Amino acid sequence: MTTPRDDVQVHFHVAGMADTNLLPRLLDHFCLRDIVPERVSAERQGDEMRVTIAVRRDACPEWEMVARKLGQIFVVRSVLASVADQADEADDAAELQVAAVG
């Protein structure tokens, strides 16, 4: 049995419509689970927003379900979630891509 490391993070990369509801709706899924993200970044590119939310994997063991829930938000176009080890900055094999149904 392996123990979770503190430096392993899950990164949620979200592409969505540039809408005032995008960021609050994304962050609400973490608030409901009492998770404070390690980092949040957002950038507008025309009519699209690119958002990255990083959380510790041990704080969000149900990260695959969270990625699916984020993909169900009506202003979200796609979600890519990956597990990254901060020690070597390499992505783990665990990766999930969710295409939003729009």
Protein backbone atom coordinates (compact mmCIF):
# COMPACT_ATOMS: atom_id res chain seq x y z
CA MET A 1 0.00 0.00 0.00
CA THR A 2 1.37 3.39 -0.95
CA THR A 3 0.75 6.54 0.99
CA PRO A 4 -0.25 9.73 -0.81
CA ARG A 5 2.48 12.35 -1.10
CA ASP A 6 1.81 15.99 -0.30
CA ASP A 7 3.46 17.20 -3.50
CA VAL A 8 1.19 15.26 -5.87
CA GLN A 9 -1.45 17.51 -7.39
CA VAL A 10 -4.39 17.17 -9.70
CA HIS A 11 -4.60 19.82 -12.41
CA PHE A 12 -7.99 20.57 -13.95
CA HIS A 13 -7.55 22.34 -17.31
CA VAL A 14 -10.88 23.79 -18.40
CA ALA A 15 -11.83 25.51 -21.65
CA GLY A 16 -15.12 27.34 -21.57
CA MET A 17 -17.09 30.27 -22.84
CA ALA A 18 -15.95 33.70 -21.65
CA ASP A 19 -18.91 34.08 -19.33
CA THR A 20 -19.25 35.75 -15.93
CA ASN A 21 -20.60 32.47 -14.49
CA LEU A 22 -17.66 30.26 -15.50
CA LEU A 23 -15.25 30.84 -12.60
CA PRO A 24 -17.84 30.79 -9.78
CA ARG A 25 -19.44 27.62 -11.17
CA LEU A 26 -16.07 25.87 -11.42
CA LEU A 27 -14.93 26.87 -7.94
CA ASP A 28 -18.29 25.93 -6.43
CA HIS A 29 -17.52 22.23 -6.97
CA PHE A 30 -14.43 22.58 -4.78
CA CYS A 31 -16.24 24.67 -2.15
CA LEU A 32 -18.91 21.98 -1.81
CA ARG A 33 -16.16 19.47 -0.99
CA ASP A 34 -14.35 21.87 1.39
CA ILE A 35 -11.27 21.94 -0.87
CA VAL A 36 -9.12 25.05 -1.15
CA PRO A 37 -7.19 24.97 -4.44
CA GLU A 38 -3.41 25.33 -4.35
CA ARG A 39 -3.54 27.50 -7.47
CA VAL A 40 -6.13 28.96 -9.83
CA SER A 41 -5.29 30.71 -13.07
CA ALA A 42 -7.58 32.04 -15.77
CA GLU A 43 -6.96 33.71 -19.09
CA ARG A 44 -9.42 35.06 -21.61
CA GLN A 45 -8.73 34.38 -25.28
CA GLY A 46 -11.43 36.08 -27.33
CA ASP A 47 -14.77 34.40 -26.60
CA GLU A 48 -13.09 31.56 -24.66
CA MET A 49 -11.62 31.24 -21.17
CA ARG A 50 -8.80 28.87 -20.23
CA VAL A 51 -8.81 27.99 -16.52
CA THR A 52 -6.40 25.80 -14.57
CA ILE A 53 -7.21 24.69 -11.03
CA ALA A 54 -4.61 22.75 -9.04
CA VAL A 55 -5.50 20.84 -5.88
CA ARG A 56 -3.61 18.35 -3.73
CA ARG A 57 -4.55 14.82 -4.74
CA ASP A 58 -4.99 13.73 -1.12
CA ALA A 59 -7.53 16.57 -0.65
CA CYS A 60 -9.50 15.43 -3.71
CA PRO A 61 -9.43 11.62 -3.99
CA GLU A 62 -12.58 11.73 -6.14
CA TRP A 63 -10.86 13.93 -8.76
CA GLU A 64 -12.21 11.90 -11.71
CA MET A 65 -15.80 12.50 -10.59
CA VAL A 66 -15.04 16.21 -10.05
CA ALA A 67 -13.68 16.43 -13.62
CA ARG A 68 -16.88 14.89 -14.96
CA LYS A 69 -18.99 17.31 -12.93
CA LEU A 70 -17.00 20.27 -14.25
CA GLY A 71 -17.62 19.01 -17.77
CA GLN A 72 -21.38 19.12 -17.16
CA ILE A 73 -21.40 22.88 -16.55
CA PHE A 74 -23.22 24.48 -19.47
CA VAL A 75 -20.52 27.09 -20.19
CA VAL A 76 -17.69 24.49 -20.20
CA ARG A 77 -16.46 23.17 -23.54
CA SER A 78 -13.84 20.66 -22.32
CA VAL A 79 -11.99 19.47 -19.23
CA LEU A 80 -8.64 17.73 -18.99
CA ALA A 81 -7.60 16.49 -15.56
CA SER A 82 -4.14 15.11 -14.89
CA VAL A 83 -2.17 14.02 -11.86
CA ALA A 84 1.22 15.75 -11.62
CA ASP A 85 4.14 15.08 -9.30
CA GLN A 86 5.57 18.45 -8.29
CA ALA A 87 8.99 16.90 -7.55
CA ASP A 88 9.78 16.17 -11.19
CA GLU A 89 6.99 18.11 -12.96
CA ALA A 90 6.07 15.01 -14.97
CA ASP A 91 2.46 14.01 -15.42
CA ASP A 92 1.47 10.67 -13.98
CA ALA A 93 -0.24 8.05 -16.10
CA ALA A 94 -3.54 9.05 -14.50
CA GLU A 95 -5.28 11.41 -16.88
CA LEU A 96 -8.92 12.01 -17.72
CA GLN A 97 -10.36 14.04 -20.56
CA VAL A 98 -14.01 15.08 -20.46
CA ALA A 99 -15.74 16.64 -23.41
CA ALA A 100 -18.67 18.78 -22.36
CA VAL A 101 -22.02 18.06 -23.92
CA GLY A 102 -23.22 21.37 -25.22
